C-alpha cells in the first residue's frame, strides 16, 4: 500500500497563497486527487490530476484559483492555492485512485491544515 505524506499547510491571510505537497512512497500509476474537510462539514473534492497524462479537473469553488501539478521524478503532486479565501480553511488530504469525476480512491495521507484569516 502506498504511503502519502502531505506538507505545506499553514496560516495565511485572505488573498494570499500556499503550495501544498503530497509525496508518495512509490511510483503512482493512477489519478491523484486533493480533498478537504472543514470543521463540521463533509470531506469535499478539490482537484485531481492524471499521473500518466495531463488531464486535470477542479471543483467549481477553486477553479481559476488553484492549480494541481505533478513531478513524476519525485512521486509528488502539488496544489498551488492562490487568492485564498476564509472558506478555503480546512484540512487538505491527498488521495490515490481518485476517479475522473472526483470520487476518492482507497489511499489517504494524514492531511495538512490550511487556515485562512479574513
N, C-alpha and C. Protein backbone atom coordinates (compact mmCIF):
# COMPACT_ATOMS: atom_id res chain seq x y z
N UNK A 1 0.85 -1.18 0.00
CA UNK A 1 0.00 0.00 0.00
C UNK A 1 0.89 1.24 0.00
N UNK A 2 0.57 2.20 -0.86
CA UNK A 2 1.38 3.40 -0.96
C UNK A 2 1.12 4.30 0.24
N UNK A 3 2.17 4.91 0.74
CA UNK A 3 2.07 5.89 1.82
C UNK A 3 2.11 7.29 1.21
N UNK A 4 1.26 8.17 1.72
CA UNK A 4 1.18 9.54 1.23
C UNK A 4 1.46 10.50 2.38
N UNK A 5 2.31 11.49 2.15
CA UNK A 5 2.66 12.46 3.18
C UNK A 5 2.46 13.86 2.62
N UNK A 6 1.52 14.59 3.22
CA UNK A 6 1.25 15.96 2.81
C UNK A 6 2.09 16.94 3.63
N UNK A 7 2.36 18.10 3.04
CA UNK A 7 3.05 19.18 3.74
C UNK A 7 2.70 20.49 3.06
N UNK A 8 3.07 21.59 3.72
CA UNK A 8 2.90 22.90 3.11
C UNK A 8 1.75 23.72 3.66
N UNK A 9 0.95 23.15 4.54
CA UNK A 9 -0.14 23.91 5.11
C UNK A 9 0.35 24.99 6.06
N UNK A 10 -0.57 25.83 6.50
CA UNK A 10 -0.20 26.87 7.43
C UNK A 10 -1.28 27.92 7.54
N UNK A 11 -0.91 29.04 8.16
CA UNK A 11 -1.82 30.17 8.35
C UNK A 11 -1.46 31.26 7.36
N UNK A 12 -2.46 31.75 6.64
CA UNK A 12 -2.23 32.78 5.64
C UNK A 12 -3.40 33.75 5.66
N UNK A 13 -3.16 34.97 5.29
CA UNK A 13 -4.23 35.96 5.21
C UNK A 13 -5.03 35.77 3.92
N UNK A 14 -6.25 36.19 3.95
CA UNK A 14 -7.09 36.13 2.76
C UNK A 14 -6.41 36.88 1.61
N UNK A 15 -6.47 36.29 0.44
CA UNK A 15 -5.79 36.84 -0.72
C UNK A 15 -4.39 36.30 -0.93
N UNK A 16 -3.88 35.59 0.06
CA UNK A 16 -2.53 35.03 -0.02
C UNK A 16 -2.48 33.71 -0.75
N UNK A 17 -1.29 33.10 -0.72
CA UNK A 17 -1.05 31.86 -1.44
C UNK A 17 -0.34 30.84 -0.56
N UNK A 18 -0.57 29.57 -0.87
CA UNK A 18 0.16 28.46 -0.28
C UNK A 18 0.35 27.39 -1.35
N UNK A 19 1.41 26.59 -1.19
CA UNK A 19 1.59 25.44 -2.06
C UNK A 19 1.70 24.18 -1.21
N UNK A 20 0.77 23.28 -1.42
CA UNK A 20 0.78 22.01 -0.72
C UNK A 20 1.53 20.96 -1.55
N UNK A 21 2.16 20.04 -0.84
CA UNK A 21 2.87 18.93 -1.50
C UNK A 21 2.35 17.61 -0.94
N UNK A 22 2.34 16.60 -1.78
CA UNK A 22 1.97 15.25 -1.34
C UNK A 22 2.98 14.29 -1.97
N UNK A 23 3.81 13.70 -1.13
CA UNK A 23 4.83 12.78 -1.62
C UNK A 23 4.38 11.35 -1.38
N UNK A 24 4.45 10.55 -2.43
CA UNK A 24 4.10 9.14 -2.34
C UNK A 24 5.34 8.30 -2.12
N UNK A 25 5.16 7.18 -1.43
CA UNK A 25 6.29 6.32 -1.08
C UNK A 25 6.81 5.50 -2.25
N UNK A 26 6.04 5.46 -3.32
CA UNK A 26 6.49 4.74 -4.51
C UNK A 26 5.80 5.34 -5.73
N UNK A 27 6.16 4.83 -6.90
CA UNK A 27 5.60 5.34 -8.14
C UNK A 27 4.08 5.16 -8.16
N UNK A 28 3.42 6.17 -8.69
CA UNK A 28 1.96 6.16 -8.77
C UNK A 28 1.56 5.90 -10.22
N UNK A 29 0.51 5.12 -10.41
CA UNK A 29 0.04 4.83 -11.76
C UNK A 29 -1.40 5.28 -11.99
N UNK A 30 -2.04 5.81 -10.95
CA UNK A 30 -3.44 6.19 -11.06
C UNK A 30 -3.56 7.70 -10.96
N UNK A 31 -4.81 8.17 -11.00
CA UNK A 31 -5.04 9.59 -10.73
C UNK A 31 -4.69 9.90 -9.28
N UNK A 32 -4.31 11.13 -9.04
CA UNK A 32 -4.14 11.60 -7.66
C UNK A 32 -4.99 12.83 -7.46
N UNK A 33 -5.61 12.91 -6.29
CA UNK A 33 -6.52 13.99 -6.03
C UNK A 33 -6.23 14.68 -4.70
N UNK A 34 -6.77 15.87 -4.58
CA UNK A 34 -6.78 16.60 -3.31
C UNK A 34 -8.23 16.75 -2.87
N UNK A 35 -8.44 16.54 -1.60
CA UNK A 35 -9.74 16.73 -0.98
C UNK A 35 -9.53 17.59 0.27
N UNK A 36 -10.62 18.16 0.79
CA UNK A 36 -10.50 18.95 2.00
C UNK A 36 -11.72 18.72 2.88
N UNK A 37 -11.50 18.93 4.18
CA UNK A 37 -12.60 18.80 5.13
C UNK A 37 -12.50 19.93 6.14
N UNK A 38 -13.54 20.75 6.17
CA UNK A 38 -13.64 21.85 7.12
C UNK A 38 -14.37 21.35 8.36
N UNK A 39 -14.16 22.01 9.50
CA UNK A 39 -14.83 21.60 10.74
C UNK A 39 -16.34 21.56 10.58
N UNK A 40 -16.93 20.44 10.96
CA UNK A 40 -18.38 20.31 10.90
C UNK A 40 -18.94 20.06 9.51
N UNK A 41 -18.06 19.86 8.54
CA UNK A 41 -18.52 19.63 7.16
C UNK A 41 -17.98 18.32 6.65
N UNK A 42 -18.61 17.82 5.60
CA UNK A 42 -18.15 16.59 4.98
C UNK A 42 -16.92 16.89 4.10
N UNK A 43 -16.13 15.84 3.90
CA UNK A 43 -14.98 15.98 3.02
C UNK A 43 -15.45 16.26 1.59
N UNK A 44 -14.76 17.16 0.90
CA UNK A 44 -15.16 17.51 -0.46
C UNK A 44 -13.97 17.45 -1.41
N UNK A 45 -14.27 17.15 -2.65
CA UNK A 45 -13.28 17.09 -3.70
C UNK A 45 -12.76 18.49 -4.02
N UNK A 46 -11.45 18.60 -4.29
CA UNK A 46 -10.85 19.87 -4.67
C UNK A 46 -10.30 19.82 -6.10
N UNK A 47 -9.40 18.85 -6.37
CA UNK A 47 -8.76 18.78 -7.69
C UNK A 47 -8.17 17.40 -7.89
N UNK A 48 -7.97 17.03 -9.16
CA UNK A 48 -7.30 15.77 -9.46
C UNK A 48 -6.42 15.94 -10.69
N UNK A 49 -5.45 15.04 -10.82
CA UNK A 49 -4.56 15.03 -11.97
C UNK A 49 -4.30 13.60 -12.37
N UNK A 50 -4.25 13.39 -13.66
CA UNK A 50 -3.90 12.07 -14.19
C UNK A 50 -2.39 11.91 -14.15
N UNK A 51 -1.93 10.79 -13.57
CA UNK A 51 -0.50 10.64 -13.34
C UNK A 51 0.28 10.45 -14.63
N UNK A 52 -0.29 9.77 -15.61
CA UNK A 52 0.45 9.48 -16.83
C UNK A 52 0.26 10.54 -17.91
N UNK A 53 -0.84 11.27 -17.86
CA UNK A 53 -1.11 12.29 -18.86
C UNK A 53 -1.26 13.66 -18.23
N UNK A 54 -1.96 14.55 -18.90
CA UNK A 54 -2.09 15.91 -18.41
C UNK A 54 -3.47 16.29 -17.96
N UNK A 55 -4.37 15.31 -17.88
CA UNK A 55 -5.76 15.61 -17.50
C UNK A 55 -5.82 16.15 -16.08
N UNK A 56 -6.53 17.27 -15.93
CA UNK A 56 -6.82 17.83 -14.61
C UNK A 56 -8.30 18.17 -14.51
N UNK A 57 -8.77 18.22 -13.29
CA UNK A 57 -10.19 18.52 -13.05
C UNK A 57 -10.29 19.22 -11.71
N UNK A 58 -11.14 20.26 -11.63
CA UNK A 58 -11.25 21.06 -10.42
C UNK A 58 -12.70 21.21 -9.99
N UNK A 59 -12.86 21.35 -8.69
CA UNK A 59 -14.16 21.75 -8.17
C UNK A 59 -14.43 23.19 -8.59
N UNK A 60 -15.68 23.52 -8.81
CA UNK A 60 -16.03 24.88 -9.24
C UNK A 60 -15.56 25.93 -8.24
N UNK A 61 -15.55 25.58 -6.97
CA UNK A 61 -15.21 26.54 -5.92
C UNK A 61 -13.74 26.97 -5.95
N UNK A 62 -12.88 26.19 -6.62
CA UNK A 62 -11.45 26.52 -6.63
C UNK A 62 -10.92 26.77 -8.04
N UNK A 63 -11.75 26.55 -9.03
CA UNK A 63 -11.32 26.74 -10.42
C UNK A 63 -10.81 28.16 -10.61
N UNK A 64 -9.73 28.29 -11.34
CA UNK A 64 -9.08 29.57 -11.66
C UNK A 64 -8.30 30.15 -10.49
N UNK A 65 -8.33 29.49 -9.31
CA UNK A 65 -7.52 29.93 -8.17
C UNK A 65 -6.48 28.89 -7.79
N UNK A 66 -6.82 27.62 -7.92
CA UNK A 66 -5.92 26.53 -7.54
C UNK A 66 -5.39 25.84 -8.80
N UNK A 67 -4.16 25.34 -8.70
CA UNK A 67 -3.56 24.60 -9.79
C UNK A 67 -2.91 23.33 -9.25
N UNK A 68 -3.28 22.19 -9.82
CA UNK A 68 -2.68 20.93 -9.42
C UNK A 68 -1.61 20.55 -10.44
N UNK A 69 -0.50 20.02 -9.96
CA UNK A 69 0.59 19.62 -10.85
C UNK A 69 1.32 18.44 -10.24
N UNK A 70 2.25 17.88 -10.99
CA UNK A 70 2.95 16.70 -10.50
C UNK A 70 4.41 16.74 -10.93
N UNK A 71 5.23 16.02 -10.17
CA UNK A 71 6.62 15.78 -10.54
C UNK A 71 6.82 14.28 -10.44
N UNK A 72 6.84 13.61 -11.57
CA UNK A 72 6.91 12.15 -11.56
C UNK A 72 8.25 11.66 -11.03
N UNK A 73 9.30 12.47 -11.21
CA UNK A 73 10.61 12.04 -10.73
C UNK A 73 10.68 11.99 -9.20
N UNK A 74 9.79 12.76 -8.57
CA UNK A 74 9.76 12.82 -7.10
C UNK A 74 8.53 12.13 -6.52
N UNK A 75 7.71 11.52 -7.38
CA UNK A 75 6.46 10.89 -6.92
C UNK A 75 5.65 11.86 -6.07
N UNK A 76 5.57 13.10 -6.51
CA UNK A 76 4.95 14.16 -5.72
C UNK A 76 3.92 14.91 -6.54
N UNK A 77 2.80 15.21 -5.91
CA UNK A 77 1.78 16.06 -6.51
C UNK A 77 1.67 17.33 -5.68
N UNK A 78 1.39 18.43 -6.34
CA UNK A 78 1.34 19.73 -5.70
C UNK A 78 -0.04 20.35 -5.88
N UNK A 79 -0.38 21.27 -4.97
CA UNK A 79 -1.58 22.07 -5.11
C UNK A 79 -1.20 23.51 -4.82
N UNK A 80 -1.10 24.31 -5.87
CA UNK A 80 -0.83 25.73 -5.72
C UNK A 80 -2.14 26.45 -5.49
N UNK A 81 -2.25 27.13 -4.37
CA UNK A 81 -3.50 27.79 -3.99
C UNK A 81 -3.27 29.29 -3.93
N UNK A 82 -3.94 30.01 -4.80
CA UNK A 82 -3.83 31.47 -4.86
C UNK A 82 -5.17 32.11 -4.50
N UNK A 83 -5.13 33.39 -4.20
CA UNK A 83 -6.35 34.14 -3.88
C UNK A 83 -7.17 33.41 -2.83
N UNK A 84 -6.52 32.99 -1.77
CA UNK A 84 -7.20 32.19 -0.75
C UNK A 84 -8.28 32.97 -0.04
N UNK A 85 -9.35 32.26 0.31
CA UNK A 85 -10.49 32.84 1.00
C UNK A 85 -10.67 32.13 2.34
N UNK A 86 -11.38 32.78 3.23
CA UNK A 86 -11.64 32.17 4.54
C UNK A 86 -12.32 30.81 4.40
N UNK A 87 -13.17 30.67 3.40
CA UNK A 87 -13.88 29.41 3.21
C UNK A 87 -13.01 28.28 2.68
N UNK A 88 -11.74 28.59 2.36
CA UNK A 88 -10.79 27.54 1.97
C UNK A 88 -10.17 26.87 3.19
N UNK A 89 -10.43 27.40 4.38
CA UNK A 89 -9.90 26.83 5.61
C UNK A 89 -10.39 25.40 5.79
N UNK A 90 -9.45 24.47 5.93
CA UNK A 90 -9.80 23.05 6.04
C UNK A 90 -8.52 22.24 6.23
N UNK A 91 -8.69 20.96 6.52
CA UNK A 91 -7.59 20.01 6.44
C UNK A 91 -7.59 19.45 5.02
N UNK A 92 -6.45 19.53 4.37
CA UNK A 92 -6.33 19.07 2.99
C UNK A 92 -5.63 17.71 2.97
N UNK A 93 -6.25 16.76 2.25
CA UNK A 93 -5.72 15.41 2.13
C UNK A 93 -5.47 15.08 0.68
N UNK A 94 -4.40 14.32 0.41
CA UNK A 94 -4.25 13.80 -0.94
C UNK A 94 -4.71 12.34 -0.96
N UNK A 95 -4.96 11.89 -2.17
CA UNK A 95 -5.63 10.60 -2.36
C UNK A 95 -5.16 9.96 -3.64
N UNK A 96 -5.00 8.66 -3.66
CA UNK A 96 -4.68 7.96 -4.91
C UNK A 96 -5.91 7.18 -5.37
N UNK A 97 -5.99 7.04 -6.69
CA UNK A 97 -7.12 6.32 -7.27
C UNK A 97 -8.36 7.16 -7.42
N UNK A 98 -8.24 8.46 -7.31
CA UNK A 98 -9.40 9.35 -7.50
C UNK A 98 -9.96 9.14 -8.90
N UNK A 99 -11.28 9.00 -9.00
CA UNK A 99 -11.89 8.79 -10.31
C UNK A 99 -11.92 10.10 -11.09
N UNK A 100 -12.10 10.03 -12.40
CA UNK A 100 -12.14 11.26 -13.21
C UNK A 100 -13.27 12.21 -12.83
N UNK A 101 -14.26 11.73 -12.07
CA UNK A 101 -15.34 12.61 -11.64
C UNK A 101 -15.20 13.04 -10.19
N UNK A 102 -14.04 12.74 -9.57
CA UNK A 102 -13.77 13.25 -8.23
C UNK A 102 -14.20 12.36 -7.09
N UNK A 103 -14.47 11.12 -7.33
CA UNK A 103 -14.77 10.18 -6.26
C UNK A 103 -13.44 9.62 -5.73
N UNK A 104 -13.22 9.64 -4.41
CA UNK A 104 -11.92 9.23 -3.89
C UNK A 104 -11.64 7.74 -4.03
N UNK A 105 -10.33 7.41 -4.13
CA UNK A 105 -9.87 6.04 -4.11
C UNK A 105 -9.53 5.63 -2.70
N UNK A 106 -8.69 4.59 -2.58
CA UNK A 106 -8.52 3.96 -1.28
C UNK A 106 -7.44 4.51 -0.38
N UNK A 107 -6.43 5.20 -0.88
CA UNK A 107 -5.31 5.61 -0.06
C UNK A 107 -5.36 7.10 0.26
N UNK A 108 -5.13 7.41 1.56
CA UNK A 108 -5.17 8.80 2.01
C UNK A 108 -3.90 9.14 2.77
N UNK A 109 -3.50 10.42 2.70
CA UNK A 109 -2.48 10.92 3.58
C UNK A 109 -3.11 11.39 4.88
N UNK A 110 -2.26 11.84 5.81
CA UNK A 110 -2.75 12.25 7.13
C UNK A 110 -3.37 13.63 7.12
N UNK A 111 -3.07 14.41 6.09
CA UNK A 111 -3.65 15.73 5.96
C UNK A 111 -2.73 16.84 6.43
N UNK A 112 -2.98 18.04 5.91
CA UNK A 112 -2.25 19.23 6.33
C UNK A 112 -3.25 20.37 6.49
N UNK A 113 -3.12 21.11 7.59
CA UNK A 113 -4.10 22.15 7.93
C UNK A 113 -3.80 23.43 7.17
N UNK A 114 -4.83 23.98 6.57
CA UNK A 114 -4.77 25.29 5.93
C UNK A 114 -5.76 26.19 6.63
N UNK A 115 -5.27 27.32 7.14
CA UNK A 115 -6.13 28.28 7.82
C UNK A 115 -5.97 29.63 7.15
N UNK A 116 -7.08 30.18 6.68
CA UNK A 116 -7.07 31.47 6.01
C UNK A 116 -7.79 32.47 6.89
N UNK A 117 -7.09 33.50 7.30
CA UNK A 117 -7.69 34.52 8.16
C UNK A 117 -8.25 35.65 7.30
N UNK A 118 -9.41 36.12 7.72
CA UNK A 118 -10.07 37.17 6.93
C UNK A 118 -9.78 38.56 7.51
